[in-house]
Amino acid sequence: MNNSAKTGYVKRTQKDYSLSFKLQVVEEIESGQLDRLNAHLKYGIQARSTITQWLRKYGTFDWENLSLVTVAKTPEQRILELEAKIKLLEKQKARAEHLAERADKKAIIFDMMVDLAEQEYNIQIRKNYAPELSKSSKQNTKKP
C-alpha cells in the first residue's frame, strides 16, 4: 500500500473543490480551528497557496488595505542599514558620473567626426535653421 492511502491524503485537482467546501475551509481557518498547514494536510488540498487564494477571495480579512507592521530597530541596526545605503548610493553616483563622462567624450568625438567629414567631403552635415516659423505655420496663423 502506498503512503498516501495510510494517511488519508487524496490528491485533488482544482475542479474538485466546491464553493461550499472552500467557504468551510476559510471559516475554519478564520475561526482559529485550523491553520493553513493543518487545513492543507487535513483536506488534501494540493498547495497552501490555494488556501491563501481562498482566504483572499472569500475571507473577511481586508487584504487590499493590509498594513505592514514594522519592528523597531536598534540604533546600531539602523546605523548599519544607513551605512550600507550610503555605500550603495556612492556606487550609483560613481557609475552615473562615469556614464556622464563617457557620454561627454562620445559627443566630443562625434562633433570632431562631423567636422572632419564636412572638411574632407566639402558637404554641410549640420543644418543651421533660422529661428523663424516655417511657411506652413505662418499660413495657419493668418486667417481671414
C-alpha atoms as a PDB file:
ATOM      1  CA  MET A   1       0.000   0.000   0.000  1.00  0.00           C
ATOM      2  CA  ASN A   2       1.321   3.481  -0.753  1.00  0.00           C
ATOM      3  CA  ASN A   3       1.913   6.150   1.849  1.00  0.00           C
ATOM      4  CA  SER A   4      -0.967   8.373   0.718  1.00  0.00           C
ATOM      5  CA  ALA A   5      -3.509   5.605   1.444  1.00  0.00           C
ATOM      6  CA  LYS A   6      -2.222   5.278   5.035  1.00  0.00           C
ATOM      7  CA  THR A   7      -2.513   8.979   5.844  1.00  0.00           C
ATOM      8  CA  GLY A   8      -5.865   9.548   4.140  1.00  0.00           C
ATOM      9  CA  TYR A   9      -4.322  12.084   1.780  1.00  0.00           C
ATOM     10  CA  VAL A  10      -6.174  12.261  -1.528  1.00  0.00           C
ATOM     11  CA  LYS A  11      -4.631  14.244  -4.338  1.00  0.00           C
ATOM     12  CA  ARG A  12      -7.196  16.577  -5.807  1.00  0.00           C
ATOM     13  CA  THR A  13      -7.462  18.920  -8.758  1.00  0.00           C
ATOM     14  CA  GLN A  14      -8.729  22.493  -8.675  1.00  0.00           C
ATOM     15  CA  LYS A  15     -12.073  21.399 -10.090  1.00  0.00           C
ATOM     16  CA  ASP A  16     -12.680  19.071  -7.135  1.00  0.00           C
ATOM     17  CA  TYR A  17     -13.227  21.941  -4.689  1.00  0.00           C
ATOM     18  CA  SER A  18     -16.820  23.149  -4.431  1.00  0.00           C
ATOM     19  CA  LEU A  19     -17.690  26.644  -3.279  1.00  0.00           C
ATOM     20  CA  SER A  20     -19.226  25.316  -0.063  1.00  0.00           C
ATOM     21  CA  PHE A  21     -16.022  23.359   0.655  1.00  0.00           C
ATOM     22  CA  LYS A  22     -13.884  26.454   0.079  1.00  0.00           C
ATOM     23  CA  LEU A  23     -16.119  28.525   2.373  1.00  0.00           C
ATOM     24  CA  GLN A  24     -15.973  25.826   5.043  1.00  0.00           C
ATOM     25  CA  VAL A  25     -12.159  25.754   4.968  1.00  0.00           C
ATOM     26  CA  VAL A  26     -11.978  29.554   5.089  1.00  0.00           C
ATOM     27  CA  GLU A  27     -14.383  29.643   8.040  1.00  0.00           C
ATOM     28  CA  GLU A  28     -12.386  27.032   9.956  1.00  0.00           C
ATOM     29  CA  ILE A  29      -9.157  28.934   9.401  1.00  0.00           C
ATOM     30  CA  GLU A  30     -10.611  32.328  10.309  1.00  0.00           C
ATOM     31  CA  SER A  31     -12.295  30.946  13.435  1.00  0.00           C
ATOM     32  CA  GLY A  32      -8.952  29.550  14.578  1.00  0.00           C
ATOM     33  CA  GLN A  33      -9.906  25.868  14.441  1.00  0.00           C
ATOM     34  CA  LEU A  34      -7.192  25.207  11.836  1.00  0.00           C
ATOM     35  CA  ASP A  35      -4.232  26.973  10.366  1.00  0.00           C
ATOM     36  CA  ARG A  36      -3.347  26.842   6.675  1.00  0.00           C
ATOM     37  CA  LEU A  37      -0.875  23.993   7.055  1.00  0.00           C
ATOM     38  CA  ASN A  38      -3.287  21.821   9.013  1.00  0.00           C
ATOM     39  CA  ALA A  39      -6.116  22.537   6.551  1.00  0.00           C
ATOM     40  CA  HIS A  40      -3.765  21.620   3.725  1.00  0.00           C
ATOM     41  CA  LEU A  41      -2.955  18.309   5.380  1.00  0.00           C
ATOM     42  CA  LYS A  42      -6.437  17.517   6.722  1.00  0.00           C
ATOM     43  CA  TYR A  43      -8.336  18.052   3.472  1.00  0.00           C
ATOM     44  CA  GLY A  44      -5.622  17.051   0.995  1.00  0.00           C
ATOM     45  CA  ILE A  45      -5.509  20.447  -0.666  1.00  0.00           C
ATOM     46  CA  GLN A  46      -2.661  20.499  -3.155  1.00  0.00           C
ATOM     47  CA  ALA A  47      -0.953  23.695  -2.056  1.00  0.00           C
ATOM     48  CA  ARG A  48      -1.091  26.132   0.828  1.00  0.00           C
ATOM     49  CA  SER A  49      -1.126  28.951  -1.714  1.00  0.00           C
ATOM     50  CA  THR A  50      -4.533  27.660  -2.851  1.00  0.00           C
ATOM     51  CA  ILE A  51      -5.820  28.205   0.668  1.00  0.00           C
ATOM     52  CA  THR A  52      -4.292  31.686   0.717  1.00  0.00           C
ATOM     53  CA  GLN A  53      -6.159  32.500  -2.504  1.00  0.00           C
ATOM     54  CA  TRP A  54      -9.404  31.290  -0.950  1.00  0.00           C
ATOM     55  CA  LEU A  55      -8.778  33.416   2.129  1.00  0.00           C
ATOM     56  CA  ARG A  56      -8.231  36.462  -0.051  1.00  0.00           C
ATOM     57  CA  LYS A  57     -11.297  35.753  -2.147  1.00  0.00           C
ATOM     58  CA  TYR A  58     -13.813  34.512   0.419  1.00  0.00           C
ATOM     59  CA  GLY A  59     -12.402  35.580   3.786  1.00  0.00           C
ATOM     60  CA  THR A  60     -13.340  38.559   5.919  1.00  0.00           C
ATOM     61  CA  PHE A  61      -9.800  39.947   6.293  1.00  0.00           C
ATOM     62  CA  ASP A  62      -9.187  43.124   4.271  1.00  0.00           C
ATOM     63  CA  TRP A  63      -6.249  42.049   2.081  1.00  0.00           C
ATOM     64  CA  GLU A  64      -6.381  45.236  -0.001  1.00  0.00           C
ATOM     65  CA  ASN A  65      -5.587  47.525   2.938  1.00  0.00           C
ATOM     66  CA  LEU A  66      -3.018  45.262   4.530  1.00  0.00           C
ATOM     67  CA  SER A  67      -0.606  47.336   6.561  1.00  0.00           C
ATOM     68  CA  LEU A  68       2.850  46.055   7.230  1.00  0.00           C
ATOM     69  CA  VAL A  69       3.978  46.045  10.830  1.00  0.00           C
ATOM     70  CA  THR A  70       7.470  47.389  11.221  1.00  0.00           C
ATOM     71  CA  VAL A  71       9.636  46.153  14.040  1.00  0.00           C
ATOM     72  CA  ALA A  72      11.599  48.796  15.893  1.00  0.00           C
ATOM     73  CA  LYS A  73      15.277  48.578  15.073  1.00  0.00           C
ATOM     74  CA  THR A  74      18.101  49.223  17.447  1.00  0.00           C
ATOM     75  CA  PRO A  75      20.244  52.296  16.742  1.00  0.00           C
ATOM     76  CA  GLU A  76      23.145  50.015  15.782  1.00  0.00           C
ATOM     77  CA  GLN A  77      20.997  48.181  13.231  1.00  0.00           C
ATOM     78  CA  ARG A  78      19.763  51.490  11.834  1.00  0.00           C
ATOM     79  CA  ILE A  79      23.335  52.796  11.546  1.00  0.00           C
ATOM     80  CA  LEU A  80      24.486  49.648   9.716  1.00  0.00           C
ATOM     81  CA  GLU A  81      21.488  49.887   7.407  1.00  0.00           C
ATOM     82  CA  LEU A  82      22.198  53.544   6.636  1.00  0.00           C
ATOM     83  CA  GLU A  83      25.897  52.864   6.059  1.00  0.00           C
ATOM     84  CA  ALA A  84      25.015  50.138   3.566  1.00  0.00           C
ATOM     85  CA  LYS A  85      22.625  52.530   1.860  1.00  0.00           C
ATOM     86  CA  ILE A  86      25.332  55.211   1.677  1.00  0.00           C
ATOM     87  CA  LYS A  87      27.771  52.756   0.071  1.00  0.00           C
ATOM     88  CA  LEU A  88      25.147  51.775  -2.484  1.00  0.00           C
ATOM     89  CA  LEU A  89      24.374  55.422  -3.296  1.00  0.00           C
ATOM     90  CA  GLU A  90      28.091  56.209  -3.640  1.00  0.00           C
ATOM     91  CA  LYS A  91      28.487  53.336  -6.103  1.00  0.00           C
ATOM     92  CA  GLN A  92      25.449  54.529  -8.061  1.00  0.00           C
ATOM     93  CA  LYS A  93      26.802  58.092  -8.096  1.00  0.00           C
ATOM     94  CA  ALA A  94      30.218  56.942  -9.321  1.00  0.00           C
ATOM     95  CA  ARG A  95      28.567  54.885 -12.058  1.00  0.00           C
ATOM     96  CA  ALA A  96      26.388  57.825 -13.115  1.00  0.00           C
ATOM     97  CA  GLU A  97      29.425  60.133 -13.213  1.00  0.00           C
ATOM     98  CA  HIS A  98      31.341  57.592 -15.284  1.00  0.00           C
ATOM     99  CA  LEU A  99      28.475  57.277 -17.750  1.00  0.00           C
ATOM    100  CA  ALA A 100      28.078  61.068 -17.980  1.00  0.00           C
ATOM    101  CA  GLU A 101      31.813  61.483 -18.648  1.00  0.00           C
ATOM    102  CA  ARG A 102      31.664  58.769 -21.275  1.00  0.00           C
ATOM    103  CA  ALA A 103      28.667  60.412 -22.938  1.00  0.00           C
ATOM    104  CA  ASP A 104      30.514  63.756 -22.984  1.00  0.00           C
ATOM    105  CA  LYS A 105      33.528  62.109 -24.625  1.00  0.00           C
ATOM    106  CA  LYS A 106      31.284  60.463 -27.201  1.00  0.00           C
ATOM    107  CA  ALA A 107      29.674  63.810 -28.011  1.00  0.00           C
ATOM    108  CA  ILE A 108      33.084  65.440 -28.456  1.00  0.00           C
ATOM    109  CA  ILE A 109      34.288  62.621 -30.705  1.00  0.00           C
ATOM    110  CA  PHE A 110      31.062  62.783 -32.707  1.00  0.00           C
ATOM    111  CA  ASP A 111      31.489  66.548 -33.210  1.00  0.00           C
ATOM    112  CA  MET A 112      35.087  66.010 -34.320  1.00  0.00           C
ATOM    113  CA  MET A 113      33.999  63.337 -36.803  1.00  0.00           C
ATOM    114  CA  VAL A 114      31.298  65.597 -38.238  1.00  0.00           C
ATOM    115  CA  ASP A 115      33.789  68.469 -38.555  1.00  0.00           C
ATOM    116  CA  LEU A 116      36.270  66.185 -40.266  1.00  0.00           C
ATOM    117  CA  ALA A 117      33.627  64.820 -42.644  1.00  0.00           C
ATOM    118  CA  GLU A 118      32.488  68.358 -43.534  1.00  0.00           C
ATOM    119  CA  GLN A 119      36.090  69.374 -44.306  1.00  0.00           C
ATOM    120  CA  GLU A 120      37.038  66.190 -46.206  1.00  0.00           C
ATOM    121  CA  TYR A 121      33.927  65.847 -48.348  1.00  0.00           C
ATOM    122  CA  ASN A 122      33.013  69.523 -48.525  1.00  0.00           C
ATOM    123  CA  ILE A 123      29.407  68.907 -47.511  1.00  0.00           C
ATOM    124  CA  GLN A 124      27.354  70.549 -44.841  1.00  0.00           C
ATOM    125  CA  ILE A 125      26.182  67.907 -42.382  1.00  0.00           C
ATOM    126  CA  ARG A 126      24.920  70.193 -39.640  1.00  0.00           C
ATOM    127  CA  LYS A 127      21.857  72.157 -40.624  1.00  0.00           C
ATOM    128  CA  ASN A 128      21.625  75.725 -39.408  1.00  0.00           C
ATOM    129  CA  TYR A 129      17.990  76.720 -39.358  1.00  0.00           C
ATOM    130  CA  ALA A 130      16.928  80.284 -38.638  1.00  0.00           C
ATOM    131  CA  PRO A 131      14.701  80.572 -35.580  1.00  0.00           C
ATOM    132  CA  GLU A 132      11.669  81.681 -37.591  1.00  0.00           C
ATOM    133  CA  LEU A 133       8.365  79.940 -38.138  1.00  0.00           C
ATOM    134  CA  SER A 134       8.001  77.646 -41.079  1.00  0.00           C
ATOM    135  CA  LYS A 135       5.814  78.743 -44.007  1.00  0.00           C
ATOM    136  CA  SER A 136       3.008  76.341 -43.087  1.00  0.00           C
ATOM    137  CA  SER A 137       2.890  77.693 -39.532  1.00  0.00           C
ATOM    138  CA  LYS A 138       2.761  81.271 -40.809  1.00  0.00           C
ATOM    139  CA  GLN A 139      -0.115  80.411 -43.125  1.00  0.00           C
ATOM    140  CA  ASN A 140      -2.092  78.757 -40.304  1.00  0.00           C
ATOM    141  CA  THR A 141      -1.780  81.815 -38.063  1.00  0.00           C
ATOM    142  CA  LYS A 142      -3.047  84.234 -40.747  1.00  0.00           C
ATOM    143  CA  LYS A 143      -6.740  83.510 -41.058  1.00  0.00           C
ATOM    144  CA  PRO A 144      -9.098  85.946 -42.762  1.00  0.00           C
END
